[in-house]
Amino acid sequence: MAVIQPSYSPQWLTDIEIPLANKFYRMHGFRGKAKRHEDCAVVRSEQSEVVGCGYIRRYEAFKLLSGVAVAPDHQGRGVARALLVLLAERFDRDTYTFPYAHLEPFYLSLGFERVGAEVLAEPVGNLFHSYLKQGRSILAMVFRG
């Protein structure tokens, strides 16, 4: 018997809905914390439950795709791809992300390319190095479309 994949619905959150994203992060133990006035998107299940989330944090000289997370029961079903396709509407050539190293092929398939830490401009590089100091196995990547 074939397993039927649920239908997922990606959508942008309004400022007033941002607490939904943060509730999702807390409920699943993820590090993300979206703020008002950030481009924040979620993916909802057929039952309207938030099953994926991500946001774009704006800095003076760049944007950072951050907080990309999928509920464990929905991983491997295309939720992250649906989420990032929506978020990509707001990416430009100054959009960076710091994914875990094992996710590099996924991010490459979405138009990101790996950037050596030694060539990152100071504000991006400083942020990247602060995350590395926390012991995370991450890469620096920039959107090239």
N, C-alpha and C. Protein backbone atom coordinates (compact mmCIF):
# COMPACT_ATOMS: atom_id res chain seq x y z
N MET A 1 0.84 -1.17 0.00
CA MET A 1 0.00 0.00 0.00
C MET A 1 0.90 1.25 0.00
N ALA A 2 0.63 2.19 -0.90
CA ALA A 2 1.43 3.42 -1.02
C ALA A 2 1.06 4.40 0.10
N VAL A 3 2.08 5.09 0.58
CA VAL A 3 1.86 6.12 1.59
C VAL A 3 1.53 7.42 0.85
N ILE A 4 0.44 8.03 1.21
CA ILE A 4 0.05 9.29 0.58
C ILE A 4 0.69 10.43 1.34
N GLN A 5 1.45 11.28 0.62
CA GLN A 5 2.10 12.43 1.25
C GLN A 5 1.05 13.50 1.54
N PRO A 6 1.08 14.06 2.74
CA PRO A 6 0.14 15.13 3.03
C PRO A 6 0.43 16.34 2.16
N SER A 7 -0.55 17.19 1.99
CA SER A 7 -0.30 18.39 1.22
C SER A 7 0.12 19.48 2.19
N TYR A 8 1.19 20.17 1.83
CA TYR A 8 1.76 21.20 2.68
C TYR A 8 1.51 22.57 2.06
N SER A 9 1.36 23.56 2.91
CA SER A 9 1.05 24.90 2.46
C SER A 9 2.04 25.91 3.05
N PRO A 10 3.00 26.41 2.23
CA PRO A 10 3.91 27.44 2.73
C PRO A 10 3.23 28.80 2.70
N GLN A 11 3.51 29.63 3.71
CA GLN A 11 2.90 30.97 3.74
C GLN A 11 3.75 31.91 4.56
N TRP A 12 3.66 33.21 4.22
CA TRP A 12 4.33 34.25 4.98
C TRP A 12 3.52 34.55 6.24
N LEU A 13 4.23 34.90 7.30
CA LEU A 13 3.56 35.34 8.52
C LEU A 13 3.56 36.87 8.58
N THR A 14 2.48 37.42 9.10
CA THR A 14 2.44 38.85 9.38
C THR A 14 3.16 39.09 10.70
N ASP A 15 3.47 40.33 10.99
CA ASP A 15 4.14 40.65 12.26
C ASP A 15 3.38 40.11 13.46
N ILE A 16 2.08 40.20 13.42
CA ILE A 16 1.27 39.76 14.56
C ILE A 16 1.29 38.24 14.73
N GLU A 17 1.65 37.52 13.65
CA GLU A 17 1.69 36.05 13.70
C GLU A 17 3.07 35.49 14.08
N ILE A 18 4.09 36.33 14.20
CA ILE A 18 5.45 35.88 14.52
C ILE A 18 5.49 34.97 15.76
N PRO A 19 4.70 35.23 16.81
CA PRO A 19 4.74 34.31 17.95
C PRO A 19 4.43 32.85 17.59
N LEU A 20 3.70 32.61 16.50
CA LEU A 20 3.45 31.23 16.05
C LEU A 20 4.76 30.54 15.69
N ALA A 21 5.65 31.27 15.04
CA ALA A 21 6.95 30.71 14.66
C ALA A 21 7.75 30.37 15.91
N ASN A 22 7.77 31.28 16.86
CA ASN A 22 8.57 31.04 18.07
C ASN A 22 7.99 29.93 18.94
N LYS A 23 6.68 29.79 18.91
CA LYS A 23 6.05 28.66 19.61
C LYS A 23 6.49 27.34 18.96
N PHE A 24 6.55 27.32 17.63
CA PHE A 24 7.01 26.13 16.90
C PHE A 24 8.44 25.79 17.32
N TYR A 25 9.34 26.79 17.33
CA TYR A 25 10.73 26.54 17.71
C TYR A 25 10.82 25.97 19.12
N ARG A 26 10.12 26.57 20.07
CA ARG A 26 10.15 26.09 21.47
C ARG A 26 9.61 24.68 21.58
N MET A 27 8.49 24.42 20.91
CA MET A 27 7.82 23.13 21.02
C MET A 27 8.73 21.98 20.53
N HIS A 28 9.57 22.27 19.53
CA HIS A 28 10.41 21.22 18.96
C HIS A 28 11.88 21.33 19.38
N GLY A 29 12.19 22.26 20.28
CA GLY A 29 13.56 22.37 20.79
C GLY A 29 14.56 22.96 19.80
N PHE A 30 14.10 23.77 18.85
CA PHE A 30 15.00 24.40 17.88
C PHE A 30 15.48 25.74 18.44
N ARG A 31 16.63 26.21 17.94
CA ARG A 31 17.24 27.44 18.42
C ARG A 31 16.62 28.72 17.87
N GLY A 32 15.86 28.66 16.81
CA GLY A 32 15.36 29.85 16.13
C GLY A 32 14.55 30.78 17.02
N LYS A 33 14.58 32.06 16.67
CA LYS A 33 13.76 33.06 17.36
C LYS A 33 13.52 34.19 16.37
N ALA A 34 12.35 34.19 15.75
CA ALA A 34 11.98 35.22 14.79
C ALA A 34 11.57 36.48 15.53
N LYS A 35 11.82 37.62 14.89
CA LYS A 35 11.46 38.92 15.45
C LYS A 35 10.46 39.60 14.52
N ARG A 36 9.68 40.49 15.09
CA ARG A 36 8.77 41.28 14.26
C ARG A 36 9.57 42.02 13.20
N HIS A 37 8.94 42.25 12.08
CA HIS A 37 9.53 42.97 10.94
C HIS A 37 10.56 42.15 10.19
N GLU A 38 10.68 40.87 10.49
CA GLU A 38 11.53 39.99 9.69
C GLU A 38 10.64 39.23 8.71
N ASP A 39 11.21 38.89 7.57
CA ASP A 39 10.49 38.04 6.63
C ASP A 39 10.49 36.63 7.20
N CYS A 40 9.33 36.19 7.67
CA CYS A 40 9.21 34.88 8.32
C CYS A 40 8.14 34.08 7.60
N ALA A 41 8.46 32.82 7.33
CA ALA A 41 7.52 31.95 6.64
C ALA A 41 7.39 30.63 7.39
N VAL A 42 6.23 30.02 7.24
CA VAL A 42 5.97 28.70 7.82
C VAL A 42 5.40 27.79 6.74
N VAL A 43 5.44 26.51 7.03
CA VAL A 43 4.73 25.52 6.23
C VAL A 43 3.73 24.87 7.16
N ARG A 44 2.49 24.80 6.69
CA ARG A 44 1.42 24.19 7.48
C ARG A 44 1.03 22.85 6.86
N SER A 45 0.62 21.94 7.74
CA SER A 45 0.11 20.64 7.29
C SER A 45 -1.34 20.79 6.86
N GLU A 46 -1.92 19.70 6.39
CA GLU A 46 -3.34 19.71 6.02
C GLU A 46 -4.23 20.11 7.19
N GLN A 47 -3.76 19.85 8.42
CA GLN A 47 -4.52 20.19 9.62
C GLN A 47 -4.19 21.61 10.12
N SER A 48 -3.49 22.39 9.30
CA SER A 48 -3.07 23.77 9.62
C SER A 48 -2.03 23.87 10.73
N GLU A 49 -1.43 22.75 11.10
CA GLU A 49 -0.37 22.75 12.11
C GLU A 49 0.93 23.26 11.46
N VAL A 50 1.66 24.11 12.16
CA VAL A 50 2.96 24.58 11.66
C VAL A 50 3.95 23.42 11.77
N VAL A 51 4.53 23.03 10.63
CA VAL A 51 5.46 21.89 10.60
C VAL A 51 6.85 22.29 10.11
N GLY A 52 7.00 23.55 9.69
CA GLY A 52 8.30 24.05 9.25
C GLY A 52 8.32 25.56 9.37
N CYS A 53 9.52 26.10 9.56
CA CYS A 53 9.63 27.54 9.76
C CYS A 53 11.02 28.01 9.36
N GLY A 54 11.11 29.28 8.96
CA GLY A 54 12.38 29.92 8.67
C GLY A 54 12.17 31.42 8.53
N TYR A 55 13.24 32.18 8.64
CA TYR A 55 13.12 33.63 8.54
C TYR A 55 14.40 34.23 7.97
N ILE A 56 14.28 35.48 7.54
CA ILE A 56 15.41 36.23 7.00
C ILE A 56 15.67 37.40 7.93
N ARG A 57 16.84 37.39 8.53
CA ARG A 57 17.23 38.48 9.43
C ARG A 57 18.06 39.48 8.62
N ARG A 58 17.68 40.73 8.72
CA ARG A 58 18.38 41.79 7.96
C ARG A 58 19.42 42.48 8.84
N TYR A 59 20.61 42.55 8.31
CA TYR A 59 21.70 43.30 8.92
C TYR A 59 21.99 44.49 8.00
N GLU A 60 22.84 45.39 8.41
CA GLU A 60 23.09 46.57 7.57
C GLU A 60 23.58 46.20 6.18
N ALA A 61 24.54 45.29 6.08
CA ALA A 61 25.17 45.00 4.80
C ALA A 61 24.76 43.67 4.17
N PHE A 62 23.95 42.89 4.84
CA PHE A 62 23.58 41.57 4.30
C PHE A 62 22.31 41.07 4.97
N LYS A 63 21.79 39.97 4.41
CA LYS A 63 20.64 39.26 4.99
C LYS A 63 21.12 37.87 5.37
N LEU A 64 20.52 37.30 6.41
CA LEU A 64 20.88 35.95 6.84
C LEU A 64 19.63 35.09 6.90
N LEU A 65 19.60 34.05 6.07
CA LEU A 65 18.56 33.04 6.17
C LEU A 65 18.85 32.24 7.43
N SER A 66 17.87 32.16 8.32
CA SER A 66 18.11 31.56 9.62
C SER A 66 16.88 30.82 10.12
N GLY A 67 17.08 30.03 11.15
CA GLY A 67 15.96 29.37 11.81
C GLY A 67 15.21 28.36 10.96
N VAL A 68 15.85 27.85 9.91
CA VAL A 68 15.17 26.86 9.06
C VAL A 68 15.06 25.55 9.84
N ALA A 69 13.83 25.12 10.08
CA ALA A 69 13.60 23.91 10.88
C ALA A 69 12.32 23.24 10.43
N VAL A 70 12.31 21.91 10.52
CA VAL A 70 11.14 21.10 10.17
C VAL A 70 10.86 20.16 11.33
N ALA A 71 9.60 20.06 11.70
CA ALA A 71 9.20 19.15 12.78
C ALA A 71 9.67 17.73 12.43
N PRO A 72 10.22 17.02 13.40
CA PRO A 72 10.77 15.68 13.15
C PRO A 72 9.82 14.74 12.38
N ASP A 73 8.54 14.76 12.71
CA ASP A 73 7.59 13.86 12.05
C ASP A 73 7.34 14.22 10.59
N HIS A 74 7.83 15.36 10.13
CA HIS A 74 7.58 15.81 8.76
C HIS A 74 8.86 15.95 7.95
N GLN A 75 9.99 15.55 8.52
CA GLN A 75 11.26 15.63 7.80
C GLN A 75 11.29 14.59 6.68
N GLY A 76 11.99 14.94 5.61
CA GLY A 76 12.12 14.03 4.47
C GLY A 76 10.90 14.00 3.57
N ARG A 77 10.02 14.97 3.69
CA ARG A 77 8.79 14.99 2.89
C ARG A 77 8.66 16.24 2.01
N GLY A 78 9.74 16.99 1.87
CA GLY A 78 9.71 18.17 1.01
C GLY A 78 9.30 19.46 1.70
N VAL A 79 9.15 19.42 3.02
CA VAL A 79 8.73 20.61 3.76
C VAL A 79 9.79 21.71 3.67
N ALA A 80 11.05 21.37 3.90
CA ALA A 80 12.12 22.38 3.87
C ALA A 80 12.23 22.99 2.47
N ARG A 81 12.11 22.17 1.45
CA ARG A 81 12.19 22.70 0.07
C ARG A 81 11.04 23.67 -0.19
N ALA A 82 9.83 23.30 0.20
CA ALA A 82 8.67 24.18 0.00
C ALA A 82 8.88 25.50 0.75
N LEU A 83 9.41 25.41 1.95
CA LEU A 83 9.67 26.60 2.76
C LEU A 83 10.70 27.50 2.09
N LEU A 84 11.80 26.92 1.63
CA LEU A 84 12.87 27.72 1.06
C LEU A 84 12.52 28.27 -0.32
N VAL A 85 11.67 27.59 -1.06
CA VAL A 85 11.21 28.14 -2.33
C VAL A 85 10.44 29.44 -2.07
N LEU A 86 9.61 29.44 -1.05
CA LEU A 86 8.88 30.66 -0.70
C LEU A 86 9.84 31.74 -0.20
N LEU A 87 10.71 31.41 0.73
CA LEU A 87 11.67 32.38 1.27
C LEU A 87 12.56 32.96 0.18
N ALA A 88 12.88 32.17 -0.84
CA ALA A 88 13.77 32.61 -1.93
C ALA A 88 13.20 33.81 -2.69
N GLU A 89 11.90 34.04 -2.58
CA GLU A 89 11.31 35.23 -3.21
C GLU A 89 11.96 36.50 -2.70
N ARG A 90 12.54 36.44 -1.51
CA ARG A 90 13.12 37.64 -0.88
C ARG A 90 14.65 37.57 -0.77
N PHE A 91 15.26 36.56 -1.40
CA PHE A 91 16.72 36.45 -1.40
C PHE A 91 17.29 37.40 -2.46
N ASP A 92 18.53 37.85 -2.22
CA ASP A 92 19.30 38.54 -3.23
C ASP A 92 20.75 38.06 -3.09
N ARG A 93 21.66 38.69 -3.82
CA ARG A 93 23.05 38.24 -3.82
C ARG A 93 23.79 38.58 -2.52
N ASP A 94 23.11 39.23 -1.61
CA ASP A 94 23.68 39.51 -0.28
C ASP A 94 22.98 38.68 0.79
N THR A 95 22.38 37.55 0.39
CA THR A 95 21.71 36.66 1.34
C THR A 95 22.63 35.48 1.64
N TYR A 96 22.94 35.31 2.91
CA TYR A 96 23.82 34.24 3.38
C TYR A 96 23.03 33.27 4.24
N THR A 97 23.61 32.10 4.44
CA THR A 97 23.07 31.15 5.40
C THR A 97 24.23 30.32 5.94
N PHE A 98 24.06 29.78 7.12
CA PHE A 98 25.10 28.98 7.77
C PHE A 98 24.53 27.60 8.11
N PRO A 99 24.29 26.76 7.10
CA PRO A 99 23.69 25.45 7.37
C PRO A 99 24.69 24.47 7.97
N TYR A 100 24.15 23.45 8.61
CA TYR A 100 24.99 22.36 9.07
C TYR A 100 25.64 21.71 7.85
N ALA A 101 26.88 21.28 8.00
CA ALA A 101 27.69 20.79 6.88
C ALA A 101 26.99 19.68 6.09
N HIS A 102 26.26 18.79 6.77
CA HIS A 102 25.64 17.67 6.06
C HIS A 102 24.51 18.13 5.13
N LEU A 103 24.07 19.39 5.25
CA LEU A 103 22.99 19.91 4.41
C LEU A 103 23.51 20.65 3.17
N GLU A 104 24.82 20.64 2.96
CA GLU A 104 25.38 21.37 1.82
C GLU A 104 24.73 20.99 0.48
N PRO A 105 24.57 19.70 0.13
CA PRO A 105 23.96 19.37 -1.17
C PRO A 105 22.54 19.95 -1.32
N PHE A 106 21.78 19.95 -0.25
CA PHE A 106 20.43 20.51 -0.29
C PHE A 106 20.47 22.00 -0.61
N TYR A 107 21.32 22.74 0.09
CA TYR A 107 21.41 24.19 -0.15
C TYR A 107 22.00 24.50 -1.53
N LEU A 108 22.94 23.69 -2.00
CA LEU A 108 23.45 23.86 -3.36
C LEU A 108 22.32 23.73 -4.38
N SER A 109 21.41 22.79 -4.14
CA SER A 109 20.29 22.57 -5.07
C SER A 109 19.30 23.73 -5.09
N LEU A 110 19.40 24.61 -4.10
CA LEU A 110 18.49 25.75 -4.01
C LEU A 110 19.13 27.06 -4.47
N GLY A 111 20.35 26.99 -5.00
CA GLY A 111 20.99 28.18 -5.54
C GLY A 111 22.01 28.83 -4.64
N PHE A 112 22.37 28.19 -3.53
CA PHE A 112 23.42 28.71 -2.67
C PHE A 112 24.74 28.11 -3.10
N GLU A 113 25.83 28.83 -2.84
CA GLU A 113 27.16 28.26 -3.07
C GLU A 113 28.00 28.49 -1.82
N ARG A 114 28.92 27.57 -1.63
CA ARG A 114 29.78 27.63 -0.44
C ARG A 114 30.79 28.77 -0.57
N VAL A 115 31.05 29.44 0.54
CA VAL A 115 32.01 30.54 0.58
C VAL A 115 33.02 30.21 1.67
N GLY A 116 34.29 30.36 1.36
CA GLY A 116 35.32 30.14 2.37
C GLY A 116 35.26 31.21 3.45
N ALA A 117 35.39 30.79 4.68
CA ALA A 117 35.29 31.72 5.81
C ALA A 117 36.30 32.86 5.69
N GLU A 118 37.45 32.59 5.07
CA GLU A 118 38.50 33.60 4.96
C GLU A 118 38.15 34.73 3.99
N VAL A 119 37.17 34.54 3.13
CA VAL A 119 36.81 35.60 2.17
C VAL A 119 35.51 36.32 2.54
N LEU A 120 34.90 35.94 3.64
CA LEU A 120 33.67 36.62 4.06
C LEU A 120 33.98 38.05 4.49
N ALA A 121 33.14 38.98 4.06
CA ALA A 121 33.28 40.36 4.51
C ALA A 121 33.12 40.40 6.03
N GLU A 122 33.68 41.43 6.65
CA GLU A 122 33.76 41.48 8.12
C GLU A 122 32.44 41.24 8.86
N PRO A 123 31.34 41.92 8.53
CA PRO A 123 30.16 41.67 9.37
C PRO A 123 29.63 40.24 9.27
N VAL A 124 29.66 39.67 8.07
CA VAL A 124 29.20 38.29 7.90
C VAL A 124 30.19 37.34 8.55
N GLY A 125 31.46 37.57 8.31
CA GLY A 125 32.52 36.73 8.87
C GLY A 125 32.50 36.71 10.39
N ASN A 126 32.29 37.87 11.00
CA ASN A 126 32.24 37.93 12.46
C ASN A 126 31.09 37.09 13.01
N LEU A 127 29.95 37.20 12.38
CA LEU A 127 28.78 36.42 12.82
C LEU A 127 29.04 34.92 12.64
N PHE A 128 29.58 34.55 11.48
CA PHE A 128 29.89 33.15 11.20
C PHE A 128 30.85 32.59 12.26
N HIS A 129 31.89 33.33 12.56
CA HIS A 129 32.88 32.85 13.54
C HIS A 129 32.27 32.75 14.94
N SER A 130 31.32 33.63 15.26
CA SER A 130 30.69 33.52 16.58
C SER A 130 29.87 32.22 16.68
N TYR A 131 29.26 31.81 15.57
CA TYR A 131 28.53 30.53 15.57
C TYR A 131 29.49 29.35 15.63
N LEU A 132 30.61 29.44 14.91
CA LEU A 132 31.60 28.36 14.96
C LEU A 132 32.12 28.16 16.38
N LYS A 133 32.31 29.24 17.12
CA LYS A 133 32.81 29.15 18.49
C LYS A 133 31.85 28.41 19.41
N GLN A 134 30.58 28.32 19.00
CA GLN A 134 29.59 27.58 19.79
C GLN A 134 29.67 26.08 19.52
N GLY A 135 30.62 25.67 18.68
CA GLY A 135 30.83 24.26 18.41
C GLY A 135 29.95 23.68 17.32
N ARG A 136 29.34 24.54 16.52
CA ARG A 136 28.46 24.05 15.45
C ARG A 136 29.29 23.64 14.23
N SER A 137 28.88 22.56 13.58
CA SER A 137 29.53 22.08 12.36
C SER A 137 28.79 22.70 11.17
N ILE A 138 29.14 23.96 10.87
CA ILE A 138 28.39 24.72 9.86
C ILE A 138 29.30 25.19 8.72
N LEU A 139 28.66 25.59 7.64
CA LEU A 139 29.33 26.17 6.48
C LEU A 139 28.79 27.57 6.25
N ALA A 140 29.57 28.40 5.56
CA ALA A 140 29.06 29.70 5.09
C ALA A 140 28.66 29.53 3.64
N MET A 141 27.45 29.96 3.31
CA MET A 141 26.96 29.88 1.94
C MET A 141 26.27 31.18 1.57
N VAL A 142 26.33 31.54 0.29
CA VAL A 142 25.70 32.77 -0.21
C VAL A 142 24.78 32.39 -1.37
N PHE A 143 23.69 33.12 -1.50
CA PHE A 143 22.71 32.84 -2.56
C PHE A 143 23.21 33.42 -3.88
N ARG A 144 23.21 32.59 -4.90
CA ARG A 144 23.60 33.03 -6.24
C ARG A 144 22.49 32.77 -7.25
N GLY A 145 21.40 32.17 -6.79
CA GLY A 145 20.25 31.96 -7.66
C GLY A 145 20.41 30.96 -8.67
